[in-house]
Protein backbone atom coordinates (compact mmCIF):
# COMPACT_ATOMS: atom_id res chain seq x y z
CA MET A 1 -19.39 -20.52 116.88
CA PRO A 2 -17.77 -21.31 119.92
CA ARG A 3 -17.15 -24.98 119.85
CA ARG A 4 -15.56 -27.04 122.75
CA ASP A 5 -12.16 -26.83 121.88
CA ARG A 6 -8.80 -26.85 121.16
CA SER A 7 -8.38 -23.44 122.25
CA ALA A 8 -5.15 -21.80 121.42
CA TYR A 9 -3.62 -18.64 121.03
CA PRO A 10 -2.92 -16.08 118.56
CA ALA A 11 -0.90 -16.29 118.43
CA GLY A 12 -18.33 -11.65 101.65
CA ALA A 13 -22.84 -5.42 89.92
CA LEU A 14 -23.19 -1.91 89.12
CA ARG A 15 -20.96 0.71 90.77
CA PRO A 16 -23.09 2.40 93.54
CA ALA A 17 -24.27 6.07 92.48
CA PRO A 18 -21.84 8.24 94.56
CA ALA A 19 -18.88 9.06 93.76
CA ARG A 20 -15.44 6.89 95.22
CA GLY A 21 -15.26 10.34 97.44
CA CYS A 22 -18.35 9.92 98.65
CA LEU A 23 -18.41 6.40 99.55
CA LEU A 24 -20.65 5.09 102.30
CA PRO A 25 -18.86 5.88 106.00
CA MET A 26 -18.86 3.35 108.25
CA ARG A 27 -20.89 5.41 110.40
CA PHE A 28 -23.95 5.41 107.98
CA ALA A 29 -23.35 1.77 107.53
CA LEU A 30 -23.33 1.08 111.23
CA VAL A 31 -26.38 3.05 111.31
CA HIS A 32 -28.61 2.40 108.71
CA LEU A 33 -27.69 -0.72 106.87
CA ALA A 34 -27.14 -3.12 110.09
CA PRO A 35 -30.73 -2.80 111.26
CA LEU A 36 -32.22 -2.68 108.01
CA ALA A 37 -30.20 -6.04 107.25
CA LEU A 38 -31.47 -7.39 110.46
CA ALA A 39 -35.06 -6.16 109.97
CA VAL A 40 -34.71 -8.05 106.64
CA ALA A 41 -33.55 -11.55 108.26
CA LEU A 42 -35.97 -11.28 111.33
CA ALA A 43 -39.16 -10.56 108.79
CA SER A 44 -38.17 -13.24 106.73
CA PRO A 45 -39.64 -16.77 107.16
CA SER A 46 -36.04 -17.79 108.41
CA ALA A 47 -33.45 -18.16 111.37
CA ALA A 48 -30.03 -20.01 112.27
CA GLN A 49 -26.38 -20.14 112.82
CA PRO A 50 -23.45 -23.03 112.26
CA ALA A 51 -24.60 -25.18 115.18
CA ARG A 52 -22.62 -27.50 117.50
CA GLY A 53 -22.20 -30.38 115.23
CA ALA A 54 -19.32 -32.75 115.46
CA ASP A 55 -17.48 -30.02 118.30
CA ALA A 56 -19.93 -30.88 120.69
CA GLY A 57 -18.08 -31.99 124.01
CA PRO A 58 -17.92 -35.53 125.33
CA GLY A 59 -21.92 -36.45 126.21
CA GLY A 60 -23.48 -33.12 126.35
CA PRO A 61 -26.87 -32.01 126.84
CA PRO A 62 -29.80 -33.93 125.06
CA ALA A 63 -30.11 -33.40 121.48
CA ALA A 64 -33.34 -31.01 120.68
CA PRO A 65 -36.36 -32.66 118.85
CA ASP A 66 -35.27 -33.62 115.04
CA ALA A 67 -38.37 -31.52 114.41
CA ASP A 68 -37.04 -28.35 115.59
CA ARG A 69 -33.36 -29.14 115.72
CA PHE A 70 -31.06 -26.43 114.44
CA GLU A 71 -27.80 -28.06 112.67
CA GLU A 72 -25.23 -26.31 110.42
CA ARG A 73 -25.84 -27.24 107.53
CA LEU A 74 -28.92 -25.77 107.42
CA VAL A 75 -26.99 -22.15 106.90
CA LEU A 76 -23.74 -23.73 105.52
CA ASP A 77 -23.97 -27.10 103.17
CA THR A 78 -20.90 -28.52 101.96
CA GLY A 79 -21.99 -31.65 101.08
CA ARG A 80 -19.40 -32.85 103.67
CA SER A 81 -20.81 -36.13 105.74
CA PRO A 82 -19.58 -36.68 109.38
CA PRO A 83 -16.79 -38.89 110.11
CA PRO A 84 -18.03 -42.53 111.27
CA PRO A 85 -18.21 -43.03 114.93
CA PRO A 86 -16.29 -45.80 116.87
CA ASP A 87 -18.23 -49.22 117.01
CA PRO A 88 -17.64 -50.23 120.48
CA THR A 89 -17.46 -53.99 119.23
CA ARG A 90 -14.75 -53.72 117.03
CA SER A 91 -11.88 -51.69 115.50
CA THR A 92 -12.63 -49.66 112.59
CA PHE A 93 -10.82 -47.74 109.91
CA SER A 94 -12.30 -45.18 107.51
CA VAL A 95 -10.61 -42.53 105.31
CA GLN A 96 -12.38 -39.22 104.33
CA GLY A 97 -10.96 -36.88 101.97
CA GLU A 98 -11.49 -33.89 99.38
CA TYR A 99 -9.84 -33.03 95.92
CA GLN A 100 -10.12 -29.05 95.15
CA LEU A 101 -9.69 -27.26 92.00
CA ARG A 102 -9.51 -23.27 91.38
CA TYR A 103 -9.16 -20.84 88.73
CA ARG A 104 -8.52 -17.64 89.45
CA ALA A 105 -8.60 -14.37 87.11
CA MET A 106 -8.03 -10.94 88.73
CA THR A 107 -7.27 -7.50 88.39
CA ASP A 108 -3.49 -7.02 88.38
CA LEU A 109 -3.12 -5.21 91.96
CA ARG A 110 -1.34 -1.98 91.81
CA LEU A 111 1.25 -2.12 94.54
CA ARG A 112 4.47 -0.11 95.52
CA ALA A 113 7.73 -0.60 93.33
CA PRO A 114 10.65 -2.14 94.95
CA PRO A 115 12.82 1.33 94.21
CA LEU A 116 16.58 -0.49 93.94
CA SER A 117 15.81 -4.21 92.20
CA ASP A 118 12.79 -3.77 89.98
CA PRO A 119 11.39 0.23 89.74
CA GLY A 120 9.33 -0.96 87.05
CA ALA A 121 7.25 -3.36 89.12
CA THR A 122 4.36 -1.58 89.68
CA THR A 123 1.89 -4.39 89.98
CA LEU A 124 1.44 -7.82 91.81
CA GLY A 125 2.04 -9.55 88.39
CA GLN A 126 -0.83 -11.58 88.49
CA ASN A 127 -3.89 -12.09 86.52
CA GLN A 128 -5.06 -15.65 86.40
CA TYR A 129 -3.82 -18.86 88.19
CA ILE A 130 -4.75 -22.62 88.60
CA ALA A 131 -4.24 -24.31 92.19
CA HIS A 132 -5.45 -27.41 93.81
CA TRP A 133 -5.13 -29.47 97.31
CA LEU A 134 -5.75 -33.35 97.83
CA ARG A 135 -6.79 -33.61 101.90
CA LEU A 136 -6.78 -37.06 103.32
CA SER A 137 -8.09 -37.85 107.01
CA PRO A 138 -7.93 -41.50 108.00
CA ARG A 139 -9.06 -42.12 111.28
CA PHE A 140 -8.43 -45.88 112.96
CA HIS A 141 -10.54 -46.40 116.10
CA TYR A 142 -9.93 -49.72 118.91
CA LYS A 143 -13.34 -49.90 119.27
CA ASP A 144 -14.21 -46.95 121.38
CA LYS A 145 -11.37 -47.35 123.62
CA ALA A 146 -8.60 -45.09 121.53
CA SER A 147 -8.61 -43.20 118.32
CA ILE A 148 -5.75 -42.10 116.01
CA VAL A 149 -6.77 -39.28 113.96
CA ALA A 150 -4.36 -37.88 110.89
CA GLN A 151 -4.79 -35.24 108.16
CA ILE A 152 -2.48 -34.58 105.27
CA ASP A 153 -2.66 -32.06 102.49
CA VAL A 154 -1.12 -34.79 99.78
CA VAL A 155 -0.38 -31.98 97.07
CA ARG A 156 -1.43 -28.47 97.29
CA GLY A 157 0.06 -25.47 95.38
CA LEU A 158 0.09 -23.77 92.09
CA ILE A 159 -0.57 -26.02 88.71
CA ALA A 160 -0.08 -23.08 85.76
CA GLY A 161 -0.88 -19.54 85.44
CA ASP A 162 0.82 -16.17 86.15
CA THR A 163 2.67 -16.03 89.36
CA THR A 164 3.55 -13.23 92.00
CA ARG A 165 6.62 -10.94 92.26
CA HIS A 166 8.41 -9.17 94.96
CA VAL A 167 5.79 -10.55 98.27
CA GLU A 168 7.83 -13.22 99.08
CA GLN A 169 7.94 -12.06 102.84
CA VAL A 170 4.69 -14.46 103.32
CA ARG A 171 4.43 -18.17 102.80
CA ASP A 172 2.24 -19.40 99.93
CA ALA A 173 3.26 -16.22 97.81
CA ARG A 174 2.39 -18.34 94.60
CA ALA A 175 5.37 -16.82 93.42
CA ALA A 176 6.65 -19.73 91.54
CA LEU A 177 4.33 -23.23 90.05
CA ALA A 178 4.83 -25.72 92.67
CA TRP A 179 1.28 -28.01 92.71
CA TYR A 180 3.24 -30.70 94.46
CA ASP A 181 3.98 -29.18 98.01
CA VAL A 182 3.02 -31.51 100.86
CA HIS A 183 1.23 -30.16 104.18
CA PRO A 184 1.02 -32.49 107.18
CA ARG A 185 -1.55 -31.27 109.51
CA TYR A 186 -2.41 -34.08 112.19
CA LEU A 187 -1.72 -36.90 113.92
CA TYR A 188 -2.97 -37.37 117.28
CA LEU A 189 -3.96 -40.12 119.83
CA GLU A 190 -7.53 -39.59 121.37
CA VAL A 191 -8.37 -41.87 124.49
CA PRO A 192 -12.00 -40.82 125.58
CA SER A 193 -12.28 -41.91 129.63
CA SER A 194 -15.14 -41.10 132.21
CA VAL A 195 -13.82 -37.79 132.96
CA GLY A 196 -13.44 -36.59 129.49
CA VAL A 197 -10.52 -37.09 126.88
CA PHE A 198 -7.17 -37.16 126.58
CA ARG A 199 -5.62 -35.93 123.17
CA VAL A 200 -1.63 -35.94 122.45
CA GLY A 201 -0.09 -35.28 119.25
CA GLN A 202 0.05 -32.45 116.20
CA GLN A 203 -3.85 -31.29 116.19
CA GLY A 204 -5.89 -28.03 114.73
CA ALA A 205 -6.68 -25.46 117.27
CA HIS A 206 -10.36 -23.76 117.36
CA TRP A 207 -12.07 -21.51 119.40
CA GLY A 208 -15.28 -19.53 118.68
CA MET A 209 -15.69 -17.55 115.28
CA GLY A 210 -12.06 -18.34 114.69
CA LEU A 211 -10.95 -15.13 115.21
CA VAL A 212 -7.66 -15.85 116.92
CA ALA A 213 -7.51 -19.70 116.64
CA ASN A 214 -8.87 -21.07 113.45
CA ASP A 215 -8.27 -24.61 112.63
CA GLY A 216 -8.40 -24.36 108.73
CA GLU A 217 -11.35 -26.39 108.20
CA ARG A 218 -14.30 -24.47 108.62
CA ALA A 219 -15.79 -23.21 105.36
CA SER A 220 -17.39 -19.83 104.83
CA PHE A 221 -19.78 -18.18 102.66
CA PHE A 222 -16.95 -16.74 100.45
CA GLY A 223 -13.49 -17.79 99.86
CA ASP A 224 -11.56 -20.65 101.11
CA TYR A 225 -10.13 -21.93 104.44
CA GLU A 226 -6.23 -21.62 104.78
CA ARG A 227 -3.49 -23.07 106.35
CA GLY A 228 -4.69 -22.88 109.86
CA SER A 229 -3.89 -23.30 113.73
CA LEU A 230 -1.56 -26.44 114.29
CA VAL A 231 0.05 -27.55 117.48
CA GLU A 232 1.91 -29.95 119.05
CA ARG A 233 -0.41 -30.67 122.22
CA VAL A 234 -0.96 -32.52 125.36
CA MET A 235 -4.79 -31.80 126.07
CA LEU A 236 -7.17 -32.82 128.45
CA GLU A 237 -10.87 -31.97 127.75
CA ALA A 238 -13.16 -32.67 131.27
CA THR A 239 -16.41 -32.69 131.77
CA PRO A 240 -16.83 -32.07 135.96
CA MET A 241 -20.28 -32.43 135.97
CA GLY A 242 -20.22 -35.49 134.37
CA ARG A 243 -20.39 -36.67 130.37
CA ALA A 244 -24.00 -35.18 130.05
CA GLY A 245 -23.10 -32.25 132.23
CA PRO A 246 -23.07 -28.54 130.72
CA LEU A 247 -19.62 -27.56 131.80
CA VAL A 248 -16.47 -28.14 129.58
CA VAL A 249 -12.91 -27.44 131.01
CA THR A 250 -10.04 -27.86 129.08
CA VAL A 251 -6.16 -27.40 129.61
CA ALA A 252 -3.52 -27.70 127.20
CA ALA A 253 0.21 -27.22 126.85
CA ASP A 254 1.42 -26.38 122.70
CA LEU A 255 4.21 -26.58 120.95
CA VAL A 256 2.62 -23.96 117.90
CA PHE A 257 3.75 -25.85 114.75
CA GLU A 258 2.00 -23.18 112.35
CA ASP A 259 -0.20 -20.52 112.71
CA ASN A 260 -1.06 -16.92 111.79
CA ALA A 261 1.94 -15.64 113.98
CA ALA A 262 4.48 -18.30 114.19
CA ASP A 263 6.21 -21.29 112.07
CA LEU A 264 8.61 -23.88 113.80
CA LEU A 265 10.02 -25.15 110.53
CA GLY A 266 10.93 -21.56 109.50
CA ASN A 267 8.99 -22.16 106.10
CA ASP A 268 6.89 -19.28 105.94
CA VAL A 269 9.25 -16.85 104.18
CA GLU A 270 11.03 -17.86 100.53
CA GLY A 271 14.90 -17.95 101.42
CA GLN A 272 14.69 -18.73 105.21
CA ASP A 273 17.74 -19.83 106.71
CA GLU A 274 17.70 -23.55 107.90
CA GLY A 275 16.99 -23.27 112.12
CA GLU A 276 15.53 -19.76 111.96
CA GLY A 277 11.82 -21.02 112.77
CA ASP A 278 9.79 -19.65 115.51
CA ARG A 279 9.57 -21.33 118.69
CA ALA A 280 6.41 -20.57 120.13
CA VAL A 281 5.16 -22.29 123.17
CA GLN A 282 1.78 -21.51 125.12
CA ALA A 283 -0.35 -22.54 127.88
CA VAL A 284 -4.19 -22.46 127.48
CA VAL A 285 -7.22 -23.10 129.53
CA SER A 286 -10.92 -22.52 128.40
CA ALA A 287 -13.99 -23.21 130.28
CA LEU A 288 -17.40 -24.07 128.06
CA TRP A 289 -21.23 -23.48 129.31
CA ARG A 290 -23.46 -25.81 127.28
CA GLU A 291 -27.33 -25.54 126.84
CA ARG A 292 -29.51 -27.11 124.66
CA ARG A 293 -30.00 -24.05 122.43
CA GLY A 294 -26.42 -22.21 122.92
CA GLU A 295 -23.38 -21.79 125.03
CA VAL A 296 -20.86 -19.61 126.22
CA GLY A 297 -17.15 -19.87 127.10
CA ILE A 298 -13.95 -18.25 128.11
CA TYR A 299 -10.20 -19.08 127.38
CA GLY A 300 -6.97 -17.55 128.67
CA ALA A 301 -3.55 -18.48 126.99
CA LEU A 302 0.00 -17.53 128.00
CA ARG A 303 2.62 -17.82 125.23
CA ARG A 304 6.14 -17.13 124.76
CA GLN A 305 7.81 -17.01 120.69
CA ALA A 306 11.29 -16.37 119.56
CA ARG A 307 13.28 -16.55 116.39
CA GLU A 308 16.67 -16.01 115.72
CA ARG A 309 17.55 -13.65 113.41
CA ARG A 310 21.10 -12.48 111.97
CA ALA A 311 22.69 -9.89 109.99
CA LYS A 312 23.60 -10.67 106.29
CA THR A 313 26.49 -8.86 106.25
CA SER A 314 28.15 -9.89 109.61
CA PRO A 315 27.96 -13.41 112.10
CA ALA A 316 25.96 -11.10 114.64
CA ARG A 317 22.45 -12.34 115.42
CA PHE A 318 19.62 -11.37 117.78
CA THR A 319 16.46 -12.58 118.58
CA GLU A 320 12.84 -11.35 118.17
CA ALA A 321 10.87 -12.00 120.68
CA LEU A 322 7.02 -12.00 122.44
CA ALA A 323 5.35 -12.63 125.73
CA ALA A 324 1.95 -12.35 125.74
CA ALA A 325 -1.26 -13.51 127.00
CA VAL A 326 -4.75 -13.15 125.26
CA ILE A 327 -8.61 -13.32 127.01
CA ASP A 328 -11.02 -14.35 124.68
CA VAL A 329 -14.85 -14.77 125.30
CA ALA A 330 -17.23 -16.24 122.97
CA GLY A 331 -20.92 -17.18 122.76
CA ARG A 332 -23.63 -18.45 120.50
CA PHE A 333 -27.02 -18.84 120.69
CA ASP A 334 -30.17 -20.53 118.43
CA ALA A 335 -34.20 -20.03 118.93
CA PRO A 336 -36.82 -21.67 117.37
CA VAL A 337 -39.16 -19.20 115.68
CA PRO A 338 -42.53 -19.13 116.91
CA GLY A 339 -45.24 -21.31 114.47
CA GLY A 340 -42.16 -23.42 113.29
CA GLY A 341 -40.13 -23.53 110.14
CA ALA A 342 -37.55 -21.13 110.89
CA HIS A 343 -34.44 -20.44 113.12
CA VAL A 344 -32.77 -17.41 114.54
CA TYR A 345 -29.34 -17.93 115.67
CA GLY A 346 -26.28 -15.43 116.54
CA ALA A 347 -22.55 -15.97 118.07
CA LEU A 348 -20.14 -13.12 119.16
CA GLU A 349 -16.27 -13.59 120.04
CA ALA A 350 -14.33 -10.77 121.49
CA ALA A 351 -10.52 -11.03 122.26
CA VAL A 352 -7.79 -8.76 124.15
CA ILE A 353 -4.15 -9.47 123.81
CA LEU A 354 -1.65 -7.85 126.22
CA GLY A 355 2.48 -8.15 126.71
CA SER A 356 5.53 -7.22 125.26
CA ALA A 357 7.49 -7.96 121.74
CA SER A 358 10.62 -6.75 120.10
CA PHE A 359 9.46 -7.97 116.72
CA VAL A 360 7.00 -5.10 115.75
CA PRO A 361 7.64 -3.06 112.62
CA ARG A 362 9.20 0.22 113.59
CA GLY A 363 10.48 1.99 110.50
CA PRO A 364 10.38 4.62 108.83
CA GLU A 365 14.37 4.92 108.65
CA PRO A 366 16.79 1.97 108.67
CA LEU A 367 18.52 1.30 111.57
CA ALA A 368 21.32 -0.82 110.71
CA GLY A 369 22.90 -2.81 113.29
CA ALA A 370 20.91 -1.24 115.88
CA ALA A 371 18.32 -4.33 115.94
CA ALA A 372 20.29 -5.85 118.57
CA GLY A 373 19.78 -3.81 121.01
CA ARG A 374 15.68 -2.90 120.70
CA ALA A 375 13.56 -1.98 123.58
CA PRO A 376 10.51 -4.07 123.39
CA VAL A 377 7.30 -2.21 123.09
CA ALA A 378 4.06 -2.97 124.83
CA VAL A 379 1.02 -4.90 122.99
CA ARG A 380 -2.34 -3.73 123.67
CA SER A 381 -4.50 -5.01 120.68
CA VAL A 382 -8.23 -5.85 120.86
CA GLY A 383 -10.72 -7.56 118.19
CA GLY A 384 -14.09 -8.68 117.87
CA ALA A 385 -16.79 -10.12 115.57
CA ALA A 386 -20.73 -11.10 115.92
CA THR A 387 -23.07 -12.35 113.73
CA LEU A 388 -26.86 -12.20 113.72
CA GLY A 389 -28.61 -14.13 111.36
CA ALA A 390 -32.13 -16.13 110.43
CA VAL A 391 -32.67 -19.64 107.92
CA HIS A 392 -35.98 -20.68 107.09
CA VAL A 393 -36.03 -24.26 106.82
CA ALA A 394 -37.78 -26.34 103.96
CA GLY A 395 -39.12 -30.46 104.03
CA ARG A 396 -40.05 -32.20 106.73
CA GLY A 397 -38.91 -35.48 108.17
CA ARG A 398 -36.40 -36.88 110.79
CA ARG A 399 -33.90 -37.45 108.05
CA PRO A 400 -30.86 -35.15 107.78
CA ALA A 401 -31.68 -35.07 103.85
CA ASP A 402 -35.68 -33.98 104.30
CA ARG A 403 -34.65 -30.80 106.03
CA TRP A 404 -32.27 -28.03 104.46
CA GLY A 405 -32.16 -24.25 104.68
CA ARG A 406 -34.30 -22.02 102.09
CA VAL A 407 -33.36 -19.13 102.64
CA VAL A 408 -30.09 -17.67 105.09
CA THR A 409 -29.88 -14.07 105.64
CA GLU A 410 -26.95 -13.23 107.99
CA LEU A 411 -24.96 -10.50 109.04
CA GLU A 412 -21.86 -9.95 110.65
CA ALA A 413 -19.65 -6.82 112.22
CA GLY A 414 -16.35 -6.94 113.10
CA TYR A 415 -13.78 -4.34 114.53
CA ALA A 416 -9.78 -5.32 115.06
CA SER A 417 -7.51 -2.15 116.37
CA GLY A 418 -5.49 -0.40 114.55
CA ASP A 419 -1.14 0.98 114.99
CA ASP A 420 -1.34 4.60 113.25
CA ASP A 421 2.20 5.38 114.91
CA PRO A 422 4.53 2.10 114.55
CA ARG A 423 7.25 4.68 115.93
CA ASP A 424 5.59 4.88 119.68
CA ASP A 425 6.39 1.96 122.20
CA VAL A 426 3.04 0.24 121.99
CA ALA A 427 1.77 -2.21 119.11
CA ARG A 428 -2.09 -1.92 118.59
CA ARG A 429 -2.68 -3.60 115.59
CA PHE A 430 -5.12 -6.85 115.86
CA THR A 431 -5.94 -9.44 112.88
CA PHE A 432 -7.62 -11.98 112.49
CA ASP A 433 -7.31 -15.78 111.50
CA PRO A 434 -6.89 -15.56 107.47
CA SER A 435 -9.30 -18.35 107.48
CA HIS A 436 -11.99 -16.41 109.00
CA ASN A 437 -12.83 -14.89 105.77
CA VAL A 438 -14.99 -11.71 105.51
CA GLY A 439 -15.45 -11.23 101.44
CA LEU A 440 -13.34 -12.02 99.09
CA ILE A 441 -10.89 -9.05 97.68
CA LEU A 442 -10.08 -6.27 100.26
CA PHE A 443 -8.97 -8.68 102.64
CA ASP A 444 -7.89 -11.62 101.13
CA GLN A 445 -6.70 -10.04 98.02
CA VAL A 446 -5.73 -5.91 98.13
CA LEU A 447 -4.44 -5.64 101.80
CA ALA A 448 -2.71 -9.02 102.28
CA TRP A 449 -0.65 -8.49 99.05
CA LYS A 450 0.24 -4.65 99.64
CA THR A 451 1.52 -5.77 103.20
CA ALA A 452 3.58 -8.19 101.75
CA ARG A 453 5.11 -6.02 99.33
CA SER A 454 6.08 -3.50 102.14
CA ALA A 455 7.25 -6.06 104.23
CA THR A 456 9.48 -7.55 100.99
CA ILE A 457 10.93 -4.46 100.16
CA ALA A 458 12.18 -3.37 103.50
CA GLU A 459 13.90 -7.24 103.81
CA ARG A 460 15.40 -6.92 100.59
CA GLU A 461 16.21 -3.42 100.38
CA LEU A 462 15.58 -0.99 103.32
CA PHE A 463 17.04 -3.79 105.91
CA ALA A 464 19.25 -6.12 103.78
CA ALA A 465 22.18 -5.57 105.76
CA SER A 466 20.93 -5.69 109.27
CA PRO A 467 17.27 -7.13 109.32
CA GLU A 468 14.74 -4.89 111.18
CA PRO A 469 12.51 -6.48 113.59
CA GLY A 470 8.77 -7.23 113.17
CA ILE A 471 9.15 -7.18 109.12
CA ARG A 472 7.78 -11.11 109.14
CA SER A 473 5.11 -9.80 111.43
CA LEU A 474 3.92 -7.24 108.84
CA PRO A 475 2.36 -9.07 106.09
CA SER A 476 -1.81 -9.67 107.09
CA LYS A 477 -1.77 -13.31 105.23
CA GLY A 478 -5.53 -12.07 104.16
CA GLY A 479 -6.59 -11.67 107.78
CA VAL A 480 -8.71 -8.65 108.72
CA PHE A 481 -6.88 -5.97 110.51
CA GLY A 482 -6.65 -2.49 111.52
CA ALA A 483 -10.30 -2.48 110.26
CA ALA A 484 -13.98 -2.21 111.35
CA TYR A 485 -16.88 -3.78 109.18
CA VAL A 486 -20.24 -4.76 108.14
CA ASN A 487 -21.00 -8.18 106.08
CA PRO A 488 -24.49 -8.86 105.25
CA ARG A 489 -24.90 -11.80 103.11
CA ILE A 490 -28.00 -14.03 101.84
CA VAL A 491 -28.01 -17.89 100.41
CA VAL A 492 -31.62 -18.55 98.42
CA ARG A 493 -31.45 -22.29 97.77
CA PRO A 494 -34.56 -22.88 95.27
CA ALA A 495 -33.15 -26.84 95.61
CA ARG A 496 -31.32 -28.68 98.37
CA TRP A 497 -28.08 -28.91 96.40
CA LEU A 498 -28.01 -25.40 94.40
CA ASP A 499 -27.09 -22.32 96.70
CA LEU A 500 -27.73 -18.54 95.16
CA LYS A 501 -25.67 -16.20 97.12
CA ALA A 502 -24.51 -12.55 97.64
CA GLY A 503 -22.67 -10.06 100.15
CA ALA A 504 -21.18 -6.88 100.89
CA VAL A 505 -18.59 -5.85 102.73
CA ILE A 506 -18.61 -1.67 103.78
CA ALA A 507 -15.12 -1.33 105.96
CA GLU A 508 -13.02 1.98 106.61
CA ALA A 509 -9.64 1.72 109.04
CA THR A 510 -9.81 2.01 112.83
CA ALA A 511 -6.76 3.52 112.58
CA ASP A 512 -5.02 6.09 110.58
CA VAL A 513 -3.51 3.36 107.53
CA VAL A 514 0.24 3.21 107.69
CA ASP A 515 2.80 1.63 106.19
CA PRO A 516 6.07 1.83 108.30
CA HIS A 517 8.36 1.08 105.47
CA ASN A 518 6.47 3.64 103.46
CA PRO A 519 7.53 7.18 104.37
CA ARG A 520 7.11 10.18 102.38
CA ALA A 521 9.99 12.64 102.28
CA GLY A 522 10.86 14.26 105.45
CA GLY A 523 10.00 10.82 106.71
CA VAL A 524 6.13 11.54 107.22
CA LEU A 525 4.43 8.36 107.43
CA ALA A 526 2.40 7.23 104.26
CA ASN A 527 0.00 4.71 103.66
CA TYR A 528 1.03 1.33 101.51
CA ASP A 529 0.76 3.58 98.20
CA GLY A 530 2.37 6.64 99.36
CA GLY A 531 -0.83 8.43 100.15
CA ASP A 532 -2.28 10.21 103.02
CA LYS A 533 -2.21 8.13 105.78
CA ARG A 534 -5.70 9.87 107.24
CA ARG A 535 -7.74 8.95 104.66
CA ARG A 536 -9.49 5.91 106.55
CA ASP A 537 -12.22 4.58 103.94
CA LEU A 538 -11.14 1.26 102.54
CA GLY A 539 -14.20 1.31 100.55
CA VAL A 540 -16.97 -1.26 99.32
CA GLU A 541 -17.06 -4.70 98.24
CA LEU A 542 -20.22 -6.65 96.65
CA ASP A 543 -19.84 -10.20 95.83
CA LEU A 544 -22.24 -13.09 94.40
CA GLY A 545 -21.92 -16.70 93.78
CA VAL A 546 -23.47 -20.05 93.01
CA ASP A 547 -22.34 -23.33 94.19
CA ALA A 548 -23.94 -26.80 93.46
CA ARG A 549 -23.75 -30.11 94.90
CA ILE A 550 -24.28 -33.51 93.36
CA ALA A 551 -24.37 -36.87 95.03
CA MET A 552 -22.80 -39.54 92.99
CA GLY A 553 -24.26 -42.50 95.13
CA ARG A 554 -23.77 -42.57 98.82
CA LEU A 555 -19.86 -42.08 98.78
CA VAL A 556 -19.08 -39.15 96.71
CA THR A 557 -20.13 -35.68 96.30
CA ILE A 558 -18.99 -33.32 93.34
CA GLN A 559 -18.82 -29.66 94.24
CA LEU A 560 -19.14 -27.30 91.02
CA GLY A 561 -19.44 -23.13 91.53
CA THR A 562 -18.14 -19.72 91.11
CA GLU A 563 -17.83 -16.47 92.89
CA ALA A 564 -17.22 -13.25 91.75
CA GLY A 565 -16.36 -9.63 93.09
CA VAL A 566 -15.49 -6.37 92.88
CA LEU A 567 -14.21 -3.77 94.96
CA PHE A 568 -14.43 0.12 94.59
CA PRO A 569 -11.26 1.12 96.48
CA GLY A 570 -12.01 4.07 99.21
CA GLY A 571 -9.55 7.14 99.61
CA ALA A 572 -7.09 4.94 101.61
CA PHE A 573 -5.49 3.13 98.90
CA ASP A 574 -5.07 6.62 96.74
CA ASP A 575 -1.04 7.32 96.39
CA ALA A 576 1.17 9.97 97.21
CA ALA A 577 -0.16 12.16 93.87
CA GLY A 578 -3.74 11.28 95.07
CA THR A 579 -4.51 9.03 92.11
CA GLU A 580 -7.38 6.28 93.03
CA LEU A 581 -6.53 2.61 93.00
CA PRO A 582 -8.86 1.43 90.49
CA ASP A 583 -11.70 -1.14 90.83
CA GLN A 584 -10.73 -4.46 91.62
CA TYR A 585 -12.56 -7.67 90.21
CA LEU A 586 -12.06 -11.10 91.22
CA LEU A 587 -13.96 -14.51 89.35
CA THR A 588 -12.76 -18.15 90.47
CA LEU A 589 -14.40 -21.04 88.92
CA LYS A 590 -14.53 -24.22 91.77
CA LEU A 591 -14.60 -27.71 91.20
CA GLY A 592 -14.46 -30.23 94.05
CA VAL A 593 -14.93 -34.00 94.91
CA ILE A 594 -15.76 -35.22 98.45
CA HIS A 595 -15.66 -38.53 99.85
């Protein structure tokens, strides 16, 4: 849902009866399943959407009465408590935090083998692992005059289990056991005033549904949030029509510390040379109009990004560069259902990226020594998503604990443009931020690791002597890219503390599925398994889960849960011999402690 933000630039069983070649096409899903899911949602005594919560702007329109107020936790309840507000009479200090532990077991994914260095490595090599993170969020308020906010992942990483192989062209490749990594996230000063809020320092950036800018803190129905968009920012968030007015205007200047497209310190790739990080700066302007039952906003960003690269066999250097603009429109609404006890809600985000870049993967033939003279290509990519849902509210009372969402039904549909010809002069691929989760397997596992393996082979073998521009932008890192999907999901809560959830993902590619560095004989482009690039059926995924939240007094909540999914892959993953990708399974066991 659109928040007041922090805007920043780009930078959720049995196998179905039909055989694999007859998986539901996207057209059937959109025409038949979407209306059916919506009808179920609206027919059930249900309704609601992730709401404003803490991100409503300074002041803002009066809150709805408690009896019919829509709250984010009615849809997705994590057990978290909001941070304590400032006390106007004295200085206060607080620390919130969470510890999360995950065990995951999955099918060993088939991948293209590195032809020179390890031709026998035909899979990812990972069947199970244990990972964790500890995130602390201290806040110091000097009365209500100023605040210092920090956040750090004190430890994060892989504790035990199998490691991956030949996918090191992405950060967090899980290629080695390292439970002790430290990830600094926030450290900023916030000063409220009569005209709005001034903020300076390292902070998260989030806008709308989090497709382009996502701060990596928002829980989803399935999966975990990722690193998120972090920026060194100077920002003024103003309310020109008064603190209680509906208009919020944000102006910001950023040096990008880390997001889906850049890494200031150059830690995004294992073995990165010192000083080869991304220098990405951006200017952001956004406007958000908020009313009692919804909000709509637009932001624009101008971004320039560069990274110095050098050939491994010579001192020659060249620069990978990007100059682009993003225009992003987002909105949300919620409304009570006549008769009471339910809400309907919805959200929408649509973005277009325009500009030029010299680091788009071109392939398929190595062009040793030609990187420095490569002309930039035009960037023309579009993406968007929409959610419509309903929630039936159980319980009555003025306290939050007295009301919860008994049944939540929700449908999300999304689109991201694809690029079927990396050799032309236009880059069309649009990639969602990885923290916007859609299911468990298709995007977060299969496509993420296939793109990472392709980039790693290209960097280590195809272009070992002279780096090819764009290799590091090829991995999707788990984000939706070049695909259209529908993602219906439902949550049933027999009790306020217990979630029973289910979801499905039906997807197909929006362009031919092309691996720019995996041509067939004769230089003909192919998919990531060497198969026919014209096969666009990505498959059908089914997900199930159970989450429990157990309050241990007023300070600590224990989270227990499990998630499981199965992907029935489509023809887009057939290899050169027409061999289908086996069904993919994933199981997650979750344990969390929240303060």
